[in-house]
PDB file of N, CA and C in Angstrom:
ATOM      1  N   MET A   1      -7.483  23.900  17.197  1.00  0.00           N
ATOM      2  CA  MET A   1      -7.266  22.540  16.748  1.00  0.00           C
ATOM      3  C   MET A   1      -5.923  22.052  17.295  1.00  0.00           C
ATOM      4  N   THR A   2      -5.955  20.908  17.911  1.00  0.00           N
ATOM      5  CA  THR A   2      -4.743  20.316  18.454  1.00  0.00           C
ATOM      6  C   THR A   2      -4.330  19.134  17.587  1.00  0.00           C
ATOM      7  N   LEU A   3      -3.066  19.103  17.231  1.00  0.00           N
ATOM      8  CA  LEU A   3      -2.557  17.990  16.428  1.00  0.00           C
ATOM      9  C   LEU A   3      -1.867  16.980  17.334  1.00  0.00           C
ATOM     10  N   ALA A   4      -2.201  15.719  17.145  1.00  0.00           N
ATOM     11  CA  ALA A   4      -1.554  14.630  17.869  1.00  0.00           C
ATOM     12  C   ALA A   4      -0.226  14.307  17.193  1.00  0.00           C
ATOM     13  N   TRP A   5       0.601  13.515  17.864  1.00  0.00           N
ATOM     14  CA  TRP A   5       1.914  13.161  17.307  1.00  0.00           C
ATOM     15  C   TRP A   5       1.777  12.487  15.950  1.00  0.00           C
ATOM     16  N   TYR A   6       0.741  11.667  15.764  1.00  0.00           N
ATOM     17  CA  TYR A   6       0.569  10.970  14.480  1.00  0.00           C
ATOM     18  C   TYR A   6       0.147  11.928  13.375  1.00  0.00           C
ATOM     19  N   ASP A   7      -0.493  13.033  13.731  1.00  0.00           N
ATOM     20  CA  ASP A   7      -0.795  14.064  12.737  1.00  0.00           C
ATOM     21  C   ASP A   7       0.492  14.709  12.244  1.00  0.00           C
ATOM     22  N   TRP A   8       1.423  14.945  13.147  1.00  0.00           N
ATOM     23  CA  TRP A   8       2.722  15.526  12.771  1.00  0.00           C
ATOM     24  C   TRP A   8       3.495  14.557  11.886  1.00  0.00           C
ATOM     25  N   ILE A   9       3.456  13.261  12.228  1.00  0.00           N
ATOM     26  CA  ILE A   9       4.146  12.245  11.406  1.00  0.00           C
ATOM     27  C   ILE A   9       3.524  12.210  10.009  1.00  0.00           C
ATOM     28  N   GLY A  10       2.211  12.206   9.938  1.00  0.00           N
ATOM     29  CA  GLY A  10       1.530  12.216   8.633  1.00  0.00           C
ATOM     30  C   GLY A  10       1.854  13.461   7.825  1.00  0.00           C
ATOM     31  N   SER A  11       1.912  14.596   8.507  1.00  0.00           N
ATOM     32  CA  SER A  11       2.248  15.848   7.815  1.00  0.00           C
ATOM     33  C   SER A  11       3.677  15.816   7.286  1.00  0.00           C
ATOM     34  N   LEU A  12       4.579  15.236   8.059  1.00  0.00           N
ATOM     35  CA  LEU A  12       5.958  15.076   7.592  1.00  0.00           C
ATOM     36  C   LEU A  12       5.985  14.182   6.350  1.00  0.00           C
ATOM     37  N   GLY A  13       5.161  13.131   6.346  1.00  0.00           N
ATOM     38  CA  GLY A  13       5.066  12.259   5.174  1.00  0.00           C
ATOM     39  C   GLY A  13       4.583  12.999   3.943  1.00  0.00           C
ATOM     40  N   VAL A  14       3.564  13.815   4.109  1.00  0.00           N
ATOM     41  CA  VAL A  14       3.053  14.618   2.992  1.00  0.00           C
ATOM     42  C   VAL A  14       4.149  15.547   2.487  1.00  0.00           C
ATOM     43  N   PHE A  15       4.845  16.205   3.411  1.00  0.00           N
ATOM     44  CA  PHE A  15       5.933  17.103   3.025  1.00  0.00           C
ATOM     45  C   PHE A  15       7.009  16.357   2.233  1.00  0.00           C
ATOM     46  N   LEU A  16       7.391  15.151   2.694  1.00  0.00           N
ATOM     47  CA  LEU A  16       8.421  14.381   1.989  1.00  0.00           C
ATOM     48  C   LEU A  16       7.996  14.016   0.577  1.00  0.00           C
ATOM     49  N   ILE A  17       6.762  13.578   0.422  1.00  0.00           N
ATOM     50  CA  ILE A  17       6.285  13.205  -0.916  1.00  0.00           C
ATOM     51  C   ILE A  17       6.219  14.426  -1.827  1.00  0.00           C
ATOM     52  N   LEU A  18       5.735  15.541  -1.306  1.00  0.00           N
ATOM     53  CA  LEU A  18       5.687  16.759  -2.119  1.00  0.00           C
ATOM     54  C   LEU A  18       7.086  17.270  -2.451  1.00  0.00           C
ATOM     55  N   LEU A  19       7.992  17.209  -1.491  1.00  0.00           N
ATOM     56  CA  LEU A  19       9.382  17.615  -1.743  1.00  0.00           C
ATOM     57  C   LEU A  19      10.014  16.727  -2.809  1.00  0.00           C
ATOM     58  N   THR A  20       9.775  15.436  -2.719  1.00  0.00           N
ATOM     59  CA  THR A  20      10.319  14.500  -3.702  1.00  0.00           C
ATOM     60  C   THR A  20       9.805  14.837  -5.097  1.00  0.00           C
ATOM     61  N   TYR A  21       8.519  15.099  -5.203  1.00  0.00           N
ATOM     62  CA  TYR A  21       7.932  15.440  -6.496  1.00  0.00           C
ATOM     63  C   TYR A  21       8.508  16.758  -7.024  1.00  0.00           C
ATOM     64  N   PHE A  22       8.662  17.739  -6.151  1.00  0.00           N
ATOM     65  CA  PHE A  22       9.251  19.015  -6.547  1.00  0.00           C
ATOM     66  C   PHE A  22      10.682  18.810  -7.050  1.00  0.00           C
ATOM     67  N   LEU A  23      11.476  18.031  -6.311  1.00  0.00           N
ATOM     68  CA  LEU A  23      12.861  17.777  -6.720  1.00  0.00           C
ATOM     69  C   LEU A  23      12.924  17.041  -8.056  1.00  0.00           C
ATOM     70  N   LEU A  24      12.000  16.130  -8.278  1.00  0.00           N
ATOM     71  CA  LEU A  24      11.939  15.414  -9.558  1.00  0.00           C
ATOM     72  C   LEU A  24      11.615  16.384 -10.697  1.00  0.00           C
ATOM     73  N   GLN A  25      10.629  17.240 -10.485  1.00  0.00           N
ATOM     74  CA  GLN A  25      10.199  18.165 -11.532  1.00  0.00           C
ATOM     75  C   GLN A  25      11.226  19.246 -11.834  1.00  0.00           C
ATOM     76  N   THR A  26      12.097  19.527 -10.887  1.00  0.00           N
ATOM     77  CA  THR A  26      13.127  20.549 -11.100  1.00  0.00           C
ATOM     78  C   THR A  26      14.492  19.926 -11.426  1.00  0.00           C
ATOM     79  N   ASP A  27      14.484  18.647 -11.780  1.00  0.00           N
ATOM     80  CA  ASP A  27      15.694  17.914 -12.187  1.00  0.00           C
ATOM     81  C   ASP A  27      16.797  17.911 -11.130  1.00  0.00           C
ATOM     82  N   ARG A  28      16.414  17.923  -9.879  1.00  0.00           N
ATOM     83  CA  ARG A  28      17.403  17.853  -8.799  1.00  0.00           C
ATOM     84  C   ARG A  28      17.509  16.448  -8.232  1.00  0.00           C
ATOM     85  N   ILE A  29      16.604  15.589  -8.689  1.00  0.00           N
ATOM     86  CA  ILE A  29      16.602  14.190  -8.295  1.00  0.00           C
ATOM     87  C   ILE A  29      16.069  13.404  -9.492  1.00  0.00           C
ATOM     88  N   HIS A  30      16.481  12.164  -9.609  1.00  0.00           N
ATOM     89  CA  HIS A  30      16.055  11.342 -10.746  1.00  0.00           C
ATOM     90  C   HIS A  30      15.247  10.149 -10.259  1.00  0.00           C
ATOM     91  N   ALA A  31      14.243   9.779 -11.025  1.00  0.00           N
ATOM     92  CA  ALA A  31      13.339   8.698 -10.630  1.00  0.00           C
ATOM     93  C   ALA A  31      14.050   7.357 -10.501  1.00  0.00           C
ATOM     94  N   GLN A  32      15.185   7.182 -11.166  1.00  0.00           N
ATOM     95  CA  GLN A  32      15.930   5.932 -11.081  1.00  0.00           C
ATOM     96  C   GLN A  32      17.032   6.000 -10.024  1.00  0.00           C
ATOM     97  N   ALA A  33      16.926   6.935  -9.098  1.00  0.00           N
ATOM     98  CA  ALA A  33      17.925   7.091  -8.043  1.00  0.00           C
ATOM     99  C   ALA A  33      17.338   6.635  -6.710  1.00  0.00           C
ATOM    100  N   ILE A  34      18.192   6.090  -5.872  1.00  0.00           N
ATOM    101  CA  ILE A  34      17.769   5.603  -4.554  1.00  0.00           C
ATOM    102  C   ILE A  34      17.072   6.700  -3.718  1.00  0.00           C
ATOM    103  N   PRO A  35      17.603   7.925  -3.659  1.00  0.00           N
ATOM    104  CA  PRO A  35      16.939   8.939  -2.826  1.00  0.00           C
ATOM    105  C   PRO A  35      15.472   9.166  -3.204  1.00  0.00           C
ATOM    106  N   TYR A  36      15.153   9.112  -4.475  1.00  0.00           N
ATOM    107  CA  TYR A  36      13.771   9.299  -4.926  1.00  0.00           C
ATOM    108  C   TYR A  36      12.858   8.246  -4.308  1.00  0.00           C
ATOM    109  N   SER A  37      13.237   6.988  -4.432  1.00  0.00           N
ATOM    110  CA  SER A  37      12.401   5.909  -3.911  1.00  0.00           C
ATOM    111  C   SER A  37      12.383   5.878  -2.392  1.00  0.00           C
ATOM    112  N   VAL A  38      13.503   6.185  -1.764  1.00  0.00           N
ATOM    113  CA  VAL A  38      13.552   6.187  -0.299  1.00  0.00           C
ATOM    114  C   VAL A  38      12.679   7.314   0.264  1.00  0.00           C
ATOM    115  N   MET A  39      12.735   8.476  -0.347  1.00  0.00           N
ATOM    116  CA  MET A  39      11.907   9.589   0.127  1.00  0.00           C
ATOM    117  C   MET A  39      10.421   9.263  -0.033  1.00  0.00           C
ATOM    118  N   ASN A  40      10.058   8.638  -1.151  1.00  0.00           N
ATOM    119  CA  ASN A  40       8.669   8.220  -1.345  1.00  0.00           C
ATOM    120  C   ASN A  40       8.274   7.145  -0.340  1.00  0.00           C
ATOM    121  N   LEU A  41       9.158   6.199  -0.086  1.00  0.00           N
ATOM    122  CA  LEU A  41       8.896   5.134   0.882  1.00  0.00           C
ATOM    123  C   LEU A  41       8.670   5.717   2.279  1.00  0.00           C
ATOM    124  N   LEU A  42       9.539   6.610   2.693  1.00  0.00           N
ATOM    125  CA  LEU A  42       9.395   7.225   4.017  1.00  0.00           C
ATOM    126  C   LEU A  42       8.120   8.069   4.108  1.00  0.00           C
ATOM    127  N   GLY A  43       7.877   8.855   3.080  1.00  0.00           N
ATOM    128  CA  GLY A  43       6.673   9.694   3.085  1.00  0.00           C
ATOM    129  C   GLY A  43       5.402   8.869   3.186  1.00  0.00           C
ATOM    130  N   ALA A  44       5.300   7.840   2.363  1.00  0.00           N
ATOM    131  CA  ALA A  44       4.114   6.988   2.391  1.00  0.00           C
ATOM    132  C   ALA A  44       3.998   6.236   3.712  1.00  0.00           C
ATOM    133  N   SER A  45       5.128   5.806   4.257  1.00  0.00           N
ATOM    134  CA  SER A  45       5.118   5.096   5.542  1.00  0.00           C
ATOM    135  C   SER A  45       4.635   6.000   6.665  1.00  0.00           C
ATOM    136  N   PHE A  46       5.102   7.243   6.670  1.00  0.00           N
ATOM    137  CA  PHE A  46       4.679   8.186   7.703  1.00  0.00           C
ATOM    138  C   PHE A  46       3.176   8.466   7.609  1.00  0.00           C
ATOM    139  N   ILE A  47       2.690   8.616   6.384  1.00  0.00           N
ATOM    140  CA  ILE A  47       1.250   8.841   6.201  1.00  0.00           C
ATOM    141  C   ILE A  47       0.465   7.612   6.656  1.00  0.00           C
ATOM    142  N   ALA A  48       0.958   6.422   6.306  1.00  0.00           N
ATOM    143  CA  ALA A  48       0.276   5.184   6.716  1.00  0.00           C
ATOM    144  C   ALA A  48       0.214   5.067   8.233  1.00  0.00           C
ATOM    145  N   VAL A  49       1.291   5.435   8.917  1.00  0.00           N
ATOM    146  CA  VAL A  49       1.288   5.403  10.388  1.00  0.00           C
ATOM    147  C   VAL A  49       0.194   6.329  10.921  1.00  0.00           C
ATOM    148  N   SER A  50       0.100   7.514  10.377  1.00  0.00           N
ATOM    149  CA  SER A  50      -0.926   8.447  10.863  1.00  0.00           C
ATOM    150  C   SER A  50      -2.322   7.907  10.587  1.00  0.00           C
ATOM    151  N   LEU A  51      -2.485   7.173   9.496  1.00  0.00           N
ATOM    152  CA  LEU A  51      -3.798   6.616   9.168  1.00  0.00           C
ATOM    153  C   LEU A  51      -4.197   5.476  10.094  1.00  0.00           C
ATOM    154  N   LEU A  52      -3.222   4.840  10.729  1.00  0.00           N
ATOM    155  CA  LEU A  52      -3.557   3.795  11.698  1.00  0.00           C
ATOM    156  C   LEU A  52      -4.296   4.363  12.898  1.00  0.00           C
ATOM    157  N   TYR A  53      -4.102   5.656  13.172  1.00  0.00           N
ATOM    158  CA  TYR A  53      -4.736   6.303  14.318  1.00  0.00           C
ATOM    159  C   TYR A  53      -6.003   7.056  13.945  1.00  0.00           C
ATOM    160  N   ASP A  54      -6.106   7.442  12.694  1.00  0.00           N
ATOM    161  CA  ASP A  54      -7.305   8.110  12.182  1.00  0.00           C
ATOM    162  C   ASP A  54      -7.583   7.479  10.826  1.00  0.00           C
ATOM    163  N   PHE A  55      -8.185   6.291  10.856  1.00  0.00           N
ATOM    164  CA  PHE A  55      -8.229   5.412   9.684  1.00  0.00           C
ATOM    165  C   PHE A  55      -9.137   5.933   8.577  1.00  0.00           C
ATOM    166  N   ASN A  56      -8.628   5.792   7.366  1.00  0.00           N
ATOM    167  CA  ASN A  56      -9.377   6.058   6.141  1.00  0.00           C
ATOM    168  C   ASN A  56      -8.943   4.965   5.171  1.00  0.00           C
ATOM    169  N   PHE A  57      -9.856   4.063   4.840  1.00  0.00           N
ATOM    170  CA  PHE A  57      -9.500   2.870   4.065  1.00  0.00           C
ATOM    171  C   PHE A  57      -8.852   3.201   2.722  1.00  0.00           C
ATOM    172  N   SER A  58      -9.474   4.052   1.931  1.00  0.00           N
ATOM    173  CA  SER A  58      -8.942   4.331   0.593  1.00  0.00           C
ATOM    174  C   SER A  58      -7.570   5.010   0.664  1.00  0.00           C
ATOM    175  N   ALA A  59      -7.384   5.913   1.609  1.00  0.00           N
ATOM    176  CA  ALA A  59      -6.079   6.560   1.769  1.00  0.00           C
ATOM    177  C   ALA A  59      -5.031   5.548   2.216  1.00  0.00           C
ATOM    178  N   PHE A  60      -5.427   4.629   3.098  1.00  0.00           N
ATOM    179  CA  PHE A  60      -4.501   3.604   3.575  1.00  0.00           C
ATOM    180  C   PHE A  60      -4.081   2.683   2.436  1.00  0.00           C
ATOM    181  N   VAL A  61      -5.023   2.306   1.577  1.00  0.00           N
ATOM    182  CA  VAL A  61      -4.716   1.434   0.433  1.00  0.00           C
ATOM    183  C   VAL A  61      -3.700   2.097  -0.483  1.00  0.00           C
ATOM    184  N   ILE A  62      -3.893   3.365  -0.790  1.00  0.00           N
ATOM    185  CA  ILE A  62      -2.952   4.019  -1.698  1.00  0.00           C
ATOM    186  C   ILE A  62      -1.574   4.157  -1.069  1.00  0.00           C
ATOM    187  N   GLU A  63      -1.508   4.369   0.233  1.00  0.00           N
ATOM    188  CA  GLU A  63      -0.195   4.473   0.885  1.00  0.00           C
ATOM    189  C   GLU A  63       0.508   3.117   0.902  1.00  0.00           C
ATOM    190  N   ILE A  64      -0.224   2.032   1.118  1.00  0.00           N
ATOM    191  CA  ILE A  64       0.377   0.698   1.071  1.00  0.00           C
ATOM    192  C   ILE A  64       0.899   0.415  -0.339  1.00  0.00           C
ATOM    193  N   CYS A  65       0.132   0.786  -1.350  1.00  0.00           N
ATOM    194  CA  CYS A  65       0.601   0.611  -2.737  1.00  0.00           C
ATOM    195  C   CYS A  65       1.831   1.469  -3.005  1.00  0.00           C
ATOM    196  N   TRP A  66       1.844   2.697  -2.514  1.00  0.00           N
ATOM    197  CA  TRP A  66       2.979   3.611  -2.694  1.00  0.00           C
ATOM    198  C   TRP A  66       4.228   3.016  -2.043  1.00  0.00           C
ATOM    199  N   ILE A  67       4.057   2.431  -0.858  1.00  0.00           N
ATOM    200  CA  ILE A  67       5.171   1.773  -0.154  1.00  0.00           C
ATOM    201  C   ILE A  67       5.683   0.602  -0.982  1.00  0.00           C
ATOM    202  N   ALA A  68       4.771  -0.243  -1.459  1.00  0.00           N
ATOM    203  CA  ALA A  68       5.169  -1.424  -2.240  1.00  0.00           C
ATOM    204  C   ALA A  68       5.899  -1.025  -3.518  1.00  0.00           C
ATOM    205  N   ILE A  69       5.395  -0.039  -4.214  1.00  0.00           N
ATOM    206  CA  ILE A  69       6.033   0.422  -5.446  1.00  0.00           C
ATOM    207  C   ILE A  69       7.418   0.988  -5.157  1.00  0.00           C
ATOM    208  N   SER A  70       7.559   1.717  -4.068  1.00  0.00           N
ATOM    209  CA  SER A  70       8.860   2.272  -3.685  1.00  0.00           C
ATOM    210  C   SER A  70       9.859   1.154  -3.388  1.00  0.00           C
ATOM    211  N   ILE A  71       9.408   0.115  -2.697  1.00  0.00           N
ATOM    212  CA  ILE A  71      10.284  -1.021  -2.400  1.00  0.00           C
ATOM    213  C   ILE A  71      10.718  -1.719  -3.675  1.00  0.00           C
ATOM    214  N   VAL A  72       9.799  -1.894  -4.613  1.00  0.00           N
ATOM    215  CA  VAL A  72      10.152  -2.488  -5.909  1.00  0.00           C
ATOM    216  C   VAL A  72      11.192  -1.620  -6.611  1.00  0.00           C
ATOM    217  N   GLY A  73      10.999  -0.316  -6.591  1.00  0.00           N
ATOM    218  CA  GLY A  73      11.955   0.597  -7.223  1.00  0.00           C
ATOM    219  C   GLY A  73      13.333   0.497  -6.601  1.00  0.00           C
ATOM    220  N   ILE A  74      13.402   0.461  -5.280  1.00  0.00           N
ATOM    221  CA  ILE A  74      14.689   0.337  -4.591  1.00  0.00           C
ATOM    222  C   ILE A  74      15.352  -0.987  -4.954  1.00  0.00           C
ATOM    223  N   ALA A  75      14.579  -2.061  -4.952  1.00  0.00           N
ATOM    224  CA  ALA A  75      15.129  -3.381  -5.293  1.00  0.00           C
ATOM    225  C   ALA A  75      15.682  -3.399  -6.723  1.00  0.00           C
ATOM    226  N   ARG A  76      14.973  -2.800  -7.648  1.00  0.00           N
ATOM    227  CA  ARG A  76      15.439  -2.758  -9.039  1.00  0.00           C
ATOM    228  C   ARG A  76      16.728  -1.949  -9.186  1.00  0.00           C
ATOM    229  N   ILE A  77      16.794  -0.826  -8.494  1.00  0.00           N
ATOM    230  CA  ILE A  77      18.000   0.005  -8.554  1.00  0.00           C
ATOM    231  C   ILE A  77      19.193  -0.754  -7.991  1.00  0.00           C
ATOM    232  N   LEU A  78      18.996  -1.386  -6.844  1.00  0.00           N
ATOM    233  CA  LEU A  78      20.087  -2.144  -6.220  1.00  0.00           C
ATOM    234  C   LEU A  78      20.501  -3.331  -7.087  1.00  0.00           C
ATOM    235  N   ARG A  79      19.533  -3.983  -7.692  1.00  0.00           N
ATOM    236  CA  ARG A  79      19.837  -5.113  -8.590  1.00  0.00           C
ATOM    237  C   ARG A  79      20.638  -4.639  -9.802  1.00  0.00           C
ATOM    238  N   ARG A  80      20.217  -3.518 -10.369  1.00  0.00           N
ATOM    239  CA  ARG A  80      20.929  -2.959 -11.525  1.00  0.00           C
ATOM    240  C   ARG A  80      22.360  -2.588 -11.153  1.00  0.00           C
ATOM    241  N   ARG A  81      22.540  -1.990  -9.988  1.00  0.00           N
ATOM    242  CA  ARG A  81      23.893  -1.629  -9.530  1.00  0.00           C
ATOM    243  C   ARG A  81      24.760  -2.867  -9.338  1.00  0.00           C
ATOM    244  N   ARG A  82      24.170  -3.908  -8.724  1.00  0.00           N
ATOM    245  CA  ARG A  82      24.913  -5.141  -8.495  1.00  0.00           C
ATOM    246  C   ARG A  82      25.323  -5.775  -9.827  1.00  0.00           C
ATOM    247  N   MET A  83      24.426  -5.761 -10.799  1.00  0.00           N
ATOM    248  CA  MET A  83      24.740  -6.325 -12.114  1.00  0.00           C
ATOM    249  C   MET A  83      25.839  -5.521 -12.796  1.00  0.00           C
ATOM    250  N   GLU A  84      25.814  -4.215 -12.649  1.00  0.00           N
ATOM    251  CA  GLU A  84      26.855  -3.375 -13.230  1.00  0.00           C
ATOM    252  C   GLU A  84      28.209  -3.645 -12.588  1.00  0.00           C
ATOM    253  N   LEU A  85      28.215  -3.858 -11.283  1.00  0.00           N
ATOM    254  CA  LEU A  85      29.478  -4.129 -10.573  1.00  0.00           C
ATOM    255  C   LEU A  85      30.053  -5.495 -10.924  1.00  0.00           C
ATOM    256  N   THR A  86      29.185  -6.471 -11.129  1.00  0.00           N
ATOM    257  CA  THR A  86      29.664  -7.824 -11.424  1.00  0.00           C
ATOM    258  C   THR A  86      29.796  -8.069 -12.906  1.00  0.00           C
ATOM    259  N   GLY A  87      29.269  -7.179 -13.731  1.00  0.00           N
ATOM    260  CA  GLY A  87      29.377  -7.325 -15.177  1.00  0.00           C
ATOM    261  C   GLY A  87      28.394  -8.327 -15.737  1.00  0.00           C
ATOM    262  N   THR A  88      27.358  -8.683 -14.975  1.00  0.00           N
ATOM    263  CA  THR A  88      26.359  -9.619 -15.472  1.00  0.00           C
ATOM    264  C   THR A  88      25.235  -8.867 -16.161  1.00  0.00           C
ATOM    265  N   ARG A  89      24.443  -9.618 -16.909  1.00  0.00           N
ATOM    266  CA  ARG A  89      23.321  -9.019 -17.623  1.00  0.00           C
ATOM    267  C   ARG A  89      22.025  -9.600 -17.100  1.00  0.00           C
ATOM    268  N   ASP A  90      20.972  -8.823 -17.179  1.00  0.00           N
ATOM    269  CA  ASP A  90      19.642  -9.273 -16.770  1.00  0.00           C
ATOM    270  C   ASP A  90      19.113 -10.258 -17.797  1.00  0.00           C
ATOM    271  N   GLN A  91      18.579 -11.356 -17.314  1.00  0.00           N
ATOM    272  CA  GLN A  91      18.067 -12.361 -18.253  1.00  0.00           C
ATOM    273  C   GLN A  91      16.618 -12.608 -18.041  1.00  0.00           C
TER     274      GLN A  91
END
């Protein structure tokens, strides 16, 4: 079996998502931390890229949702940090 470059990218994505989950479960990373969301974003993005070359609709949908959720998480963390720095409150 020969793996194409996009298979390697997808495999790296799977590894990142599994590593992120392992780090979360072993309390080495926190769900409200930027690294958690960035690792999930990268992992899902890498898997989505591989799916563009060997398409599977349902897998692609879940990766797009995973990407969107990760972006929302990053935005919320950054917003919370900005509010803490400026002393403002969420309304």
